[in-house]
Amino acid sequence: MIDPMLEDLARSPPPRTPSPEIQPLQPTKERNGPAKREHQGRKIHCWDCYCYRYNCYCYRYNCC
């Protein structure tokens, strides 16, 4: 006969632990406002900007 405690454990899903590589999102006010971060020595205009080979690119139209 199976122990009832083990049976409950087998039925319940494992507890969820957040992965360390997933970063929590910033608050929307900060994400949509002007960015306060530097990348490759240049100011990033908004949170959708990124630098590639010292040029700034953005997913938004006409940000940079």
PDB file of N, CA and C in Angstrom:
ATOM      1  N   MET A   1       0.847  -1.194   0.000  1.00  0.00           N
ATOM      2  CA  MET A   1       0.000   0.000   0.000  1.00  0.00           C
ATOM      3  C   MET A   1       0.890   1.254   0.000  1.00  0.00           C
ATOM      4  N   ILE A   2       0.460   2.275  -0.758  1.00  0.00           N
ATOM      5  CA  ILE A   2       1.242   3.502  -0.879  1.00  0.00           C
ATOM      6  C   ILE A   2       0.872   4.453   0.253  1.00  0.00           C
ATOM      7  N   ASP A   3       1.882   5.081   0.791  1.00  0.00           N
ATOM      8  CA  ASP A   3       1.682   6.042   1.867  1.00  0.00           C
ATOM      9  C   ASP A   3       0.860   7.231   1.345  1.00  0.00           C
ATOM     10  N   PRO A   4      -0.197   7.680   2.051  1.00  0.00           N
ATOM     11  CA  PRO A   4      -1.024   8.793   1.557  1.00  0.00           C
ATOM     12  C   PRO A   4      -0.230  10.089   1.357  1.00  0.00           C
ATOM     13  N   MET A   5       0.788  10.319   2.196  1.00  0.00           N
ATOM     14  CA  MET A   5       1.603  11.535   2.037  1.00  0.00           C
ATOM     15  C   MET A   5       2.350  11.508   0.706  1.00  0.00           C
ATOM     16  N   LEU A   6       2.896  10.351   0.349  1.00  0.00           N
ATOM     17  CA  LEU A   6       3.622  10.230  -0.915  1.00  0.00           C
ATOM     18  C   LEU A   6       2.668  10.374  -2.091  1.00  0.00           C
ATOM     19  N   GLU A   7       1.463   9.875  -1.919  1.00  0.00           N
ATOM     20  CA  GLU A   7       0.467   9.983  -2.985  1.00  0.00           C
ATOM     21  C   GLU A   7       0.134  11.453  -3.254  1.00  0.00           C
ATOM     22  N   ASP A   8      -0.017  12.247  -2.186  1.00  0.00           N
ATOM     23  CA  ASP A   8      -0.282  13.683  -2.344  1.00  0.00           C
ATOM     24  C   ASP A   8       0.882  14.374  -3.047  1.00  0.00           C
ATOM     25  N   LEU A   9       2.094  14.015  -2.675  1.00  0.00           N
ATOM     26  CA  LEU A   9       3.269  14.619  -3.305  1.00  0.00           C
ATOM     27  C   LEU A   9       3.334  14.281  -4.789  1.00  0.00           C
ATOM     28  N   ALA A  10       2.968  13.058  -5.126  1.00  0.00           N
ATOM     29  CA  ALA A  10       3.020  12.638  -6.526  1.00  0.00           C
ATOM     30  C   ALA A  10       1.977  13.384  -7.353  1.00  0.00           C
ATOM     31  N   ARG A  11       0.846  13.717  -6.739  1.00  0.00           N
ATOM     32  CA  ARG A  11      -0.221  14.395  -7.465  1.00  0.00           C
ATOM     33  C   ARG A  11       0.036  15.892  -7.619  1.00  0.00           C
ATOM     34  N   SER A  12       0.666  16.520  -6.610  1.00  0.00           N
ATOM     35  CA  SER A  12       0.850  17.976  -6.665  1.00  0.00           C
ATOM     36  C   SER A  12       2.036  18.325  -7.566  1.00  0.00           C
ATOM     37  N   PRO A  13       1.924  19.413  -8.321  1.00  0.00           N
ATOM     38  CA  PRO A  13       3.038  19.815  -9.185  1.00  0.00           C
ATOM     39  C   PRO A  13       4.207  20.325  -8.344  1.00  0.00           C
ATOM     40  N   PRO A  14       5.406  20.277  -8.866  1.00  0.00           N
ATOM     41  CA  PRO A  14       6.553  20.767  -8.095  1.00  0.00           C
ATOM     42  C   PRO A  14       6.440  22.275  -7.876  1.00  0.00           C
ATOM     43  N   PRO A  15       6.971  22.792  -6.785  1.00  0.00           N
ATOM     44  CA  PRO A  15       6.874  24.237  -6.545  1.00  0.00           C
ATOM     45  C   PRO A  15       7.658  25.004  -7.600  1.00  0.00           C
ATOM     46  N   ARG A  16       7.107  26.145  -8.018  1.00  0.00           N
ATOM     47  CA  ARG A  16       7.768  26.939  -9.065  1.00  0.00           C
ATOM     48  C   ARG A  16       8.793  27.861  -8.427  1.00  0.00           C
ATOM     49  N   THR A  17       9.989  27.820  -8.951  1.00  0.00           N
ATOM     50  CA  THR A  17      11.025  28.739  -8.486  1.00  0.00           C
ATOM     51  C   THR A  17      11.419  29.618  -9.664  1.00  0.00           C
ATOM     52  N   PRO A  18      11.559  30.922  -9.454  1.00  0.00           N
ATOM     53  CA  PRO A  18      11.938  31.785 -10.573  1.00  0.00           C
ATOM     54  C   PRO A  18      13.358  31.484 -11.026  1.00  0.00           C
ATOM     55  N   SER A  19      13.583  31.464 -12.330  1.00  0.00           N
ATOM     56  CA  SER A  19      14.928  31.199 -12.830  1.00  0.00           C
ATOM     57  C   SER A  19      15.796  32.423 -12.594  1.00  0.00           C
ATOM     58  N   PRO A  20      17.043  32.218 -12.252  1.00  0.00           N
ATOM     59  CA  PRO A  20      17.905  33.372 -11.970  1.00  0.00           C
ATOM     60  C   PRO A  20      18.207  34.213 -13.207  1.00  0.00           C
ATOM     61  N   GLU A  21      18.134  33.598 -14.417  1.00  0.00           N
ATOM     62  CA  GLU A  21      18.484  34.373 -15.611  1.00  0.00           C
ATOM     63  C   GLU A  21      17.347  35.269 -16.091  1.00  0.00           C
ATOM     64  N   ILE A  22      16.127  35.080 -15.587  1.00  0.00           N
ATOM     65  CA  ILE A  22      15.000  35.926 -15.994  1.00  0.00           C
ATOM     66  C   ILE A  22      14.954  37.136 -15.062  1.00  0.00           C
ATOM     67  N   GLN A  23      15.109  38.321 -15.636  1.00  0.00           N
ATOM     68  CA  GLN A  23      15.079  39.549 -14.840  1.00  0.00           C
ATOM     69  C   GLN A  23      13.650  40.070 -14.765  1.00  0.00           C
ATOM     70  N   PRO A  24      13.234  40.570 -13.613  1.00  0.00           N
ATOM     71  CA  PRO A  24      11.889  41.141 -13.540  1.00  0.00           C
ATOM     72  C   PRO A  24      11.812  42.415 -14.371  1.00  0.00           C
ATOM     73  N   LEU A  25      10.644  42.678 -14.944  1.00  0.00           N
ATOM     74  CA  LEU A  25      10.460  43.875 -15.760  1.00  0.00           C
ATOM     75  C   LEU A  25      10.494  45.117 -14.880  1.00  0.00           C
ATOM     76  N   GLN A  26      10.993  46.194 -15.445  1.00  0.00           N
ATOM     77  CA  GLN A  26      10.979  47.475 -14.734  1.00  0.00           C
ATOM     78  C   GLN A  26       9.539  47.991 -14.699  1.00  0.00           C
ATOM     79  N   PRO A  27       9.221  48.876 -13.770  1.00  0.00           N
ATOM     80  CA  PRO A  27       7.884  49.478 -13.791  1.00  0.00           C
ATOM     81  C   PRO A  27       7.645  50.200 -15.115  1.00  0.00           C
ATOM     82  N   THR A  28       6.391  50.189 -15.578  1.00  0.00           N
ATOM     83  CA  THR A  28       6.102  50.716 -16.914  1.00  0.00           C
ATOM     84  C   THR A  28       6.474  52.187 -17.038  1.00  0.00           C
ATOM     85  N   LYS A  29       6.304  52.961 -15.973  1.00  0.00           N
ATOM     86  CA  LYS A  29       6.629  54.380 -16.046  1.00  0.00           C
ATOM     87  C   LYS A  29       8.110  54.555 -16.408  1.00  0.00           C
ATOM     88  N   GLU A  30       8.955  53.766 -15.773  1.00  0.00           N
ATOM     89  CA  GLU A  30      10.386  53.876 -16.026  1.00  0.00           C
ATOM     90  C   GLU A  30      10.746  53.297 -17.392  1.00  0.00           C
ATOM     91  N   ARG A  31      10.073  52.233 -17.787  1.00  0.00           N
ATOM     92  CA  ARG A  31      10.404  51.605 -19.071  1.00  0.00           C
ATOM     93  C   ARG A  31      10.015  52.502 -20.239  1.00  0.00           C
ATOM     94  N   ASN A  32       8.887  53.200 -20.132  1.00  0.00           N
ATOM     95  CA  ASN A  32       8.425  54.012 -21.254  1.00  0.00           C
ATOM     96  C   ASN A  32       9.020  55.411 -21.248  1.00  0.00           C
ATOM     97  N   GLY A  33       9.521  55.852 -20.087  1.00  0.00           N
ATOM     98  CA  GLY A  33      10.102  57.190 -19.993  1.00  0.00           C
ATOM     99  C   GLY A  33      11.528  57.190 -20.522  1.00  0.00           C
ATOM    100  N   PRO A  34      12.220  58.324 -20.331  1.00  0.00           N
ATOM    101  CA  PRO A  34      13.608  58.384 -20.783  1.00  0.00           C
ATOM    102  C   PRO A  34      14.464  57.398 -20.000  1.00  0.00           C
ATOM    103  N   ALA A  35      15.328  56.731 -20.679  1.00  0.00           N
ATOM    104  CA  ALA A  35      16.151  55.712 -20.029  1.00  0.00           C
ATOM    105  C   ALA A  35      17.278  56.387 -19.264  1.00  0.00           C
ATOM    106  N   LYS A  36      17.622  55.801 -18.139  1.00  0.00           N
ATOM    107  CA  LYS A  36      18.720  56.331 -17.350  1.00  0.00           C
ATOM    108  C   LYS A  36      19.852  55.312 -17.350  1.00  0.00           C
ATOM    109  N   ARG A  37      20.191  54.805 -18.487  1.00  0.00           N
ATOM    110  CA  ARG A  37      21.267  53.825 -18.538  1.00  0.00           C
ATOM    111  C   ARG A  37      22.208  54.165 -19.678  1.00  0.00           C
ATOM    112  N   GLU A  38      23.433  53.702 -19.567  1.00  0.00           N
ATOM    113  CA  GLU A  38      24.439  53.946 -20.590  1.00  0.00           C
ATOM    114  C   GLU A  38      24.795  52.605 -21.206  1.00  0.00           C
ATOM    115  N   HIS A  39      25.147  52.643 -22.482  1.00  0.00           N
ATOM    116  CA  HIS A  39      25.573  51.409 -23.137  1.00  0.00           C
ATOM    117  C   HIS A  39      26.667  51.764 -24.117  1.00  0.00           C
ATOM    118  N   GLN A  40      27.788  51.113 -24.020  1.00  0.00           N
ATOM    119  CA  GLN A  40      28.960  51.376 -24.855  1.00  0.00           C
ATOM    120  C   GLN A  40      29.328  52.854 -24.811  1.00  0.00           C
ATOM    121  N   GLY A  41      29.183  53.474 -23.636  1.00  0.00           N
ATOM    122  CA  GLY A  41      29.574  54.864 -23.478  1.00  0.00           C
ATOM    123  C   GLY A  41      28.599  55.866 -24.056  1.00  0.00           C
ATOM    124  N   ARG A  42      27.441  55.438 -24.531  1.00  0.00           N
ATOM    125  CA  ARG A  42      26.453  56.364 -25.096  1.00  0.00           C
ATOM    126  C   ARG A  42      25.152  56.271 -24.316  1.00  0.00           C
ATOM    127  N   LYS A  43      24.438  57.385 -24.278  1.00  0.00           N
ATOM    128  CA  LYS A  43      23.138  57.379 -23.601  1.00  0.00           C
ATOM    129  C   LYS A  43      22.138  56.651 -24.480  1.00  0.00           C
ATOM    130  N   ILE A  44      21.335  55.822 -23.870  1.00  0.00           N
ATOM    131  CA  ILE A  44      20.278  55.136 -24.608  1.00  0.00           C
ATOM    132  C   ILE A  44      19.007  55.958 -24.450  1.00  0.00           C
ATOM    133  N   HIS A  45      18.359  56.255 -25.564  1.00  0.00           N
ATOM    134  CA  HIS A  45      17.237  57.193 -25.555  1.00  0.00           C
ATOM    135  C   HIS A  45      15.992  56.619 -24.900  1.00  0.00           C
ATOM    136  N   CYS A  46      15.664  55.378 -25.196  1.00  0.00           N
ATOM    137  CA  CYS A  46      14.498  54.757 -24.573  1.00  0.00           C
ATOM    138  C   CYS A  46      14.830  53.290 -24.323  1.00  0.00           C
ATOM    139  N   TRP A  47      13.912  52.558 -23.728  1.00  0.00           N
ATOM    140  CA  TRP A  47      14.213  51.170 -23.351  1.00  0.00           C
ATOM    141  C   TRP A  47      14.220  50.233 -24.543  1.00  0.00           C
ATOM    142  N   ASP A  48      13.812  50.707 -25.728  1.00  0.00           N
ATOM    143  CA  ASP A  48      13.835  49.856 -26.912  1.00  0.00           C
ATOM    144  C   ASP A  48      15.091  50.081 -27.745  1.00  0.00           C
ATOM    145  N   CYS A  49      15.967  51.009 -27.291  1.00  0.00           N
ATOM    146  CA  CYS A  49      17.194  51.292 -28.036  1.00  0.00           C
ATOM    147  C   CYS A  49      18.259  50.255 -27.708  1.00  0.00           C
ATOM    148  N   TYR A  50      19.116  50.007 -28.661  1.00  0.00           N
ATOM    149  CA  TYR A  50      20.285  49.170 -28.414  1.00  0.00           C
ATOM    150  C   TYR A  50      21.425  49.665 -29.291  1.00  0.00           C
ATOM    151  N   CYS A  51      22.642  49.381 -28.873  1.00  0.00           N
ATOM    152  CA  CYS A  51      23.811  49.807 -29.629  1.00  0.00           C
ATOM    153  C   CYS A  51      24.403  48.609 -30.342  1.00  0.00           C
ATOM    154  N   TYR A  52      24.793  48.826 -31.580  1.00  0.00           N
ATOM    155  CA  TYR A  52      25.467  47.791 -32.351  1.00  0.00           C
ATOM    156  C   TYR A  52      26.605  48.450 -33.108  1.00  0.00           C
ATOM    157  N   ARG A  53      27.806  48.058 -32.817  1.00  0.00           N
ATOM    158  CA  ARG A  53      29.000  48.649 -33.437  1.00  0.00           C
ATOM    159  C   ARG A  53      28.994  50.167 -33.326  1.00  0.00           C
ATOM    160  N   TYR A  54      28.744  50.653 -32.121  1.00  0.00           N
ATOM    161  CA  TYR A  54      28.771  52.083 -31.789  1.00  0.00           C
ATOM    162  C   TYR A  54      27.697  52.903 -32.496  1.00  0.00           C
ATOM    163  N   ASN A  55      26.700  52.272 -33.057  1.00  0.00           N
ATOM    164  CA  ASN A  55      25.547  52.985 -33.601  1.00  0.00           C
ATOM    165  C   ASN A  55      24.328  52.663 -32.747  1.00  0.00           C
ATOM    166  N   CYS A  56      23.434  53.621 -32.615  1.00  0.00           N
ATOM    167  CA  CYS A  56      22.233  53.421 -31.813  1.00  0.00           C
ATOM    168  C   CYS A  56      21.069  53.063 -32.729  1.00  0.00           C
ATOM    169  N   TYR A  57      20.356  52.022 -32.371  1.00  0.00           N
ATOM    170  CA  TYR A  57      19.178  51.601 -33.134  1.00  0.00           C
ATOM    171  C   TYR A  57      18.006  51.490 -32.180  1.00  0.00           C
ATOM    172  N   CYS A  58      16.811  51.668 -32.705  1.00  0.00           N
ATOM    173  CA  CYS A  58      15.632  51.581 -31.852  1.00  0.00           C
ATOM    174  C   CYS A  58      14.516  50.873 -32.593  1.00  0.00           C
ATOM    175  N   TYR A  59      13.715  50.123 -31.827  1.00  0.00           N
ATOM    176  CA  TYR A  59      12.566  49.443 -32.417  1.00  0.00           C
ATOM    177  C   TYR A  59      11.421  50.416 -32.660  1.00  0.00           C
ATOM    178  N   ARG A  60      11.438  51.576 -31.971  1.00  0.00           N
ATOM    179  CA  ARG A  60      10.408  52.585 -32.204  1.00  0.00           C
ATOM    180  C   ARG A  60      10.811  53.427 -33.407  1.00  0.00           C
ATOM    181  N   TYR A  61       9.844  53.995 -34.074  1.00  0.00           N
ATOM    182  CA  TYR A  61      10.118  54.800 -35.265  1.00  0.00           C
ATOM    183  C   TYR A  61      10.696  56.156 -34.855  1.00  0.00           C
ATOM    184  N   ASN A  62      11.823  56.528 -35.434  1.00  0.00           N
ATOM    185  CA  ASN A  62      12.454  57.846 -35.245  1.00  0.00           C
ATOM    186  C   ASN A  62      12.794  58.180 -33.797  1.00  0.00           C
ATOM    187  N   CYS A  63      13.215  57.227 -33.021  1.00  0.00           N
ATOM    188  CA  CYS A  63      13.597  57.549 -31.645  1.00  0.00           C
ATOM    189  C   CYS A  63      15.006  58.116 -31.617  1.00  0.00           C
ATOM    190  N   CYS A  64      15.933  57.458 -32.293  1.00  0.00           N
ATOM    191  CA  CYS A  64      17.341  57.868 -32.217  1.00  0.00           C
ATOM    192  C   CYS A  64      17.669  58.841 -33.341  1.00  0.00           C
TER     193      CYS A  64
END
